[in-house]
Amino acid sequence: MTRRPGSAAEAAPRARLRLSLQLADPRHRASLARSDVLRWLRAALAVPAEITVRVVDEDEGRSLNREYRGQDHATNVLTFAYASEPVLAADLVLCAPVVEREAGEQGVPLAAHYAHLVVHGALHAQGFDHEDTPDAERMEAREREILAALGFADPYRSERRPR
């Protein structure tokens, strides 16, 4: 990868990362190469981390969203952050059918949408949020910067937001 001066890739030192990638719903195995998920996470992380990325089906996604957020539907990504120091510990849960549906609706490649949601979840794990406008603008700007450095288009060009 060629780094441009001042780019997100140059600005963020390569933090230590331990990844567990779990494909409970294996339908997108080809779109989720471990090396790609590692690259996406490293681009989004500013601290050493231990992260589990779990890809689930609609039933597991709905169950987790209902249990932890009180919403009775599957969502694209859920972030569970457990510790921030000395190492960030978090789980990112991606619901394969929702991610696939959204990618189709947005007209983006499946891998690009997965990259966006992995970056989005990693930022949540580090304390970013989008509950109010200033926070959402800050988080979206950081997502755009990271994804551009990874070679992906602006995920908010059509104003679709992860739920």
Protein backbone atom coordinates (compact mmCIF):
# COMPACT_ATOMS: atom_id res chain seq x y z
CA MET A 1 0.00 0.00 0.00
CA THR A 2 1.33 3.43 -0.90
CA ARG A 3 0.94 5.91 1.92
CA ARG A 4 0.31 9.55 1.15
CA PRO A 5 1.67 12.16 3.56
CA GLY A 6 -1.05 13.05 6.05
CA SER A 7 -3.21 10.06 5.13
CA ALA A 8 -5.18 8.10 7.72
CA ALA A 9 -2.87 5.13 7.13
CA GLU A 10 0.18 7.24 7.98
CA ALA A 11 -1.42 9.09 10.88
CA ALA A 12 -2.39 5.94 12.79
CA PRO A 13 0.48 3.74 13.94
CA ARG A 14 -0.15 0.05 13.36
CA ALA A 15 -1.69 -1.02 16.66
CA ARG A 16 -1.34 -4.61 17.90
CA LEU A 17 -4.46 -6.56 17.01
CA ARG A 18 -5.66 -10.03 17.88
CA LEU A 19 -8.63 -11.09 15.77
CA SER A 20 -11.06 -13.96 16.10
CA LEU A 21 -13.21 -14.23 12.97
CA GLN A 22 -16.29 -16.41 13.44
CA LEU A 23 -18.57 -17.25 10.54
CA ALA A 24 -21.72 -18.64 12.16
CA ASP A 25 -23.39 -17.74 8.84
CA PRO A 26 -20.78 -18.72 6.23
CA ARG A 27 -22.60 -17.37 3.16
CA HIS A 28 -20.16 -14.49 2.69
CA ARG A 29 -16.91 -16.29 3.44
CA ALA A 30 -15.44 -15.09 0.11
CA SER A 31 -16.22 -11.45 0.97
CA LEU A 32 -14.65 -11.71 4.41
CA ALA A 33 -11.09 -12.87 3.99
CA ARG A 34 -9.31 -12.75 7.32
CA SER A 35 -6.56 -10.60 5.79
CA ASP A 36 -9.14 -8.02 4.66
CA VAL A 37 -10.89 -7.90 8.04
CA LEU A 38 -7.50 -7.43 9.72
CA ARG A 39 -6.65 -4.59 7.32
CA TRP A 40 -10.01 -2.86 7.88
CA LEU A 41 -9.70 -3.13 11.66
CA ARG A 42 -6.09 -1.95 11.73
CA ALA A 43 -7.08 1.12 9.72
CA ALA A 44 -9.82 1.95 12.24
CA LEU A 45 -7.98 1.19 15.48
CA ALA A 46 -5.86 3.71 17.35
CA VAL A 47 -5.06 1.35 20.24
CA PRO A 48 -4.02 -2.27 20.76
CA ALA A 49 -7.09 -4.51 20.56
CA GLU A 50 -8.54 -7.98 20.89
CA ILE A 51 -11.59 -8.14 18.67
CA THR A 52 -13.99 -10.89 17.74
CA VAL A 53 -15.88 -10.38 14.50
CA ARG A 54 -18.84 -12.76 14.34
CA VAL A 55 -21.02 -13.07 11.25
CA VAL A 56 -24.48 -14.35 12.16
CA ASP A 57 -27.77 -15.27 10.54
CA GLU A 58 -30.99 -13.31 10.91
CA ASP A 59 -32.26 -15.29 13.92
CA GLU A 60 -29.10 -14.73 15.99
CA GLY A 61 -28.91 -11.09 14.90
CA ARG A 62 -32.52 -10.47 15.93
CA SER A 63 -32.06 -12.27 19.25
CA LEU A 64 -28.98 -10.23 20.17
CA ASN A 65 -30.54 -6.94 19.10
CA ARG A 66 -33.70 -7.72 21.10
CA GLU A 67 -31.75 -8.78 24.19
CA TYR A 68 -29.21 -5.95 24.26
CA ARG A 69 -30.95 -3.05 22.53
CA GLY A 70 -34.63 -3.87 23.04
CA GLN A 71 -35.31 -3.84 19.29
CA ASP A 72 -37.06 -6.82 17.72
CA HIS A 73 -35.25 -6.93 14.38
CA ALA A 74 -31.86 -7.93 13.09
CA THR A 75 -29.50 -5.01 12.52
CA ASN A 76 -26.39 -4.75 10.37
CA VAL A 77 -23.76 -4.43 13.14
CA LEU A 78 -23.75 -4.62 16.91
CA THR A 79 -20.73 -3.57 18.94
CA PHE A 80 -20.02 -4.92 22.39
CA ALA A 81 -17.08 -3.13 24.03
CA TYR A 82 -15.81 -4.69 27.23
CA ALA A 83 -12.58 -2.87 28.07
CA SER A 84 -10.64 0.08 26.72
CA GLU A 85 -7.40 -0.25 28.70
CA PRO A 86 -4.77 -1.53 28.59
CA VAL A 87 -6.15 -3.28 25.49
CA LEU A 88 -9.46 -2.60 23.76
CA ALA A 89 -11.62 -5.73 24.01
CA ALA A 90 -14.74 -5.89 21.86
CA ASP A 91 -17.06 -8.08 19.82
CA LEU A 92 -18.51 -6.93 16.50
CA VAL A 93 -21.55 -8.89 15.36
CA LEU A 94 -22.49 -8.57 11.69
CA CYS A 95 -25.77 -9.98 10.42
CA ALA A 96 -25.06 -11.48 6.97
CA PRO A 97 -28.61 -11.26 5.52
CA VAL A 98 -28.99 -7.61 6.61
CA VAL A 99 -25.55 -6.67 5.27
CA GLU A 100 -26.34 -8.38 1.95
CA ARG A 101 -29.74 -6.69 1.67
CA GLU A 102 -28.32 -3.24 2.47
CA ALA A 103 -25.44 -3.64 0.00
CA GLY A 104 -27.98 -4.45 -2.72
CA GLU A 105 -30.22 -1.52 -1.79
CA GLN A 106 -27.24 0.83 -1.77
CA GLY A 107 -25.75 -0.57 -4.96
CA VAL A 108 -22.37 -1.19 -3.36
CA PRO A 109 -20.16 -4.28 -3.46
CA LEU A 110 -20.73 -6.62 -0.54
CA ALA A 111 -17.08 -6.38 0.57
CA ALA A 112 -17.29 -2.56 0.61
CA HIS A 113 -20.33 -2.67 2.87
CA TYR A 114 -18.65 -5.18 5.18
CA ALA A 115 -15.57 -2.92 5.31
CA HIS A 116 -17.76 0.04 6.25
CA LEU A 117 -19.54 -1.86 9.01
CA VAL A 118 -16.31 -3.29 10.44
CA VAL A 119 -14.83 0.23 10.55
CA HIS A 120 -18.11 1.59 12.00
CA GLY A 121 -18.17 -1.07 14.71
CA ALA A 122 -14.49 -0.57 15.56
CA LEU A 123 -15.08 3.16 15.98
CA HIS A 124 -18.03 2.46 18.28
CA ALA A 125 -15.77 0.19 20.34
CA GLN A 126 -13.38 3.14 20.75
CA GLY A 127 -16.12 5.46 22.01
CA PHE A 128 -17.39 7.08 18.81
CA ASP A 129 -21.16 7.50 18.61
CA HIS A 130 -23.80 8.99 16.34
CA GLU A 131 -26.66 9.75 18.70
CA ASP A 132 -26.56 13.51 18.12
CA THR A 133 -25.59 15.58 15.08
CA PRO A 134 -22.10 16.77 16.16
CA ASP A 135 -21.10 13.24 17.21
CA ALA A 136 -22.55 11.74 14.03
CA GLU A 137 -20.67 14.24 11.88
CA ARG A 138 -17.41 13.49 13.69
CA MET A 139 -17.89 9.72 13.40
CA GLU A 140 -18.93 9.86 9.74
CA ALA A 141 -15.94 12.07 8.88
CA ARG A 142 -13.61 9.55 10.50
CA GLU A 143 -15.31 6.66 8.65
CA ARG A 144 -14.97 8.49 5.33
CA GLU A 145 -11.28 9.15 5.99
CA ILE A 146 -10.53 5.54 6.93
CA LEU A 147 -12.52 4.05 4.07
CA ALA A 148 -10.96 6.42 1.52
CA ALA A 149 -7.49 5.37 2.75
CA LEU A 150 -8.58 1.76 2.21
CA GLY A 151 -9.74 2.56 -1.33
CA PHE A 152 -13.50 2.51 -0.70
CA ALA A 153 -16.06 5.10 -1.80
CA ASP A 154 -17.86 7.41 0.62
CA PRO A 155 -20.43 5.21 2.40
CA TYR A 156 -22.64 8.21 3.17
CA ARG A 157 -23.02 9.49 -0.34
CA SER A 158 -26.67 8.37 -0.27
CA GLU A 159 -27.10 9.19 3.44
CA ARG A 160 -27.59 5.53 4.44
CA ARG A 161 -26.47 5.00 8.01
CA PRO A 162 -25.70 1.82 9.96
CA ARG A 163 -28.43 1.16 12.50
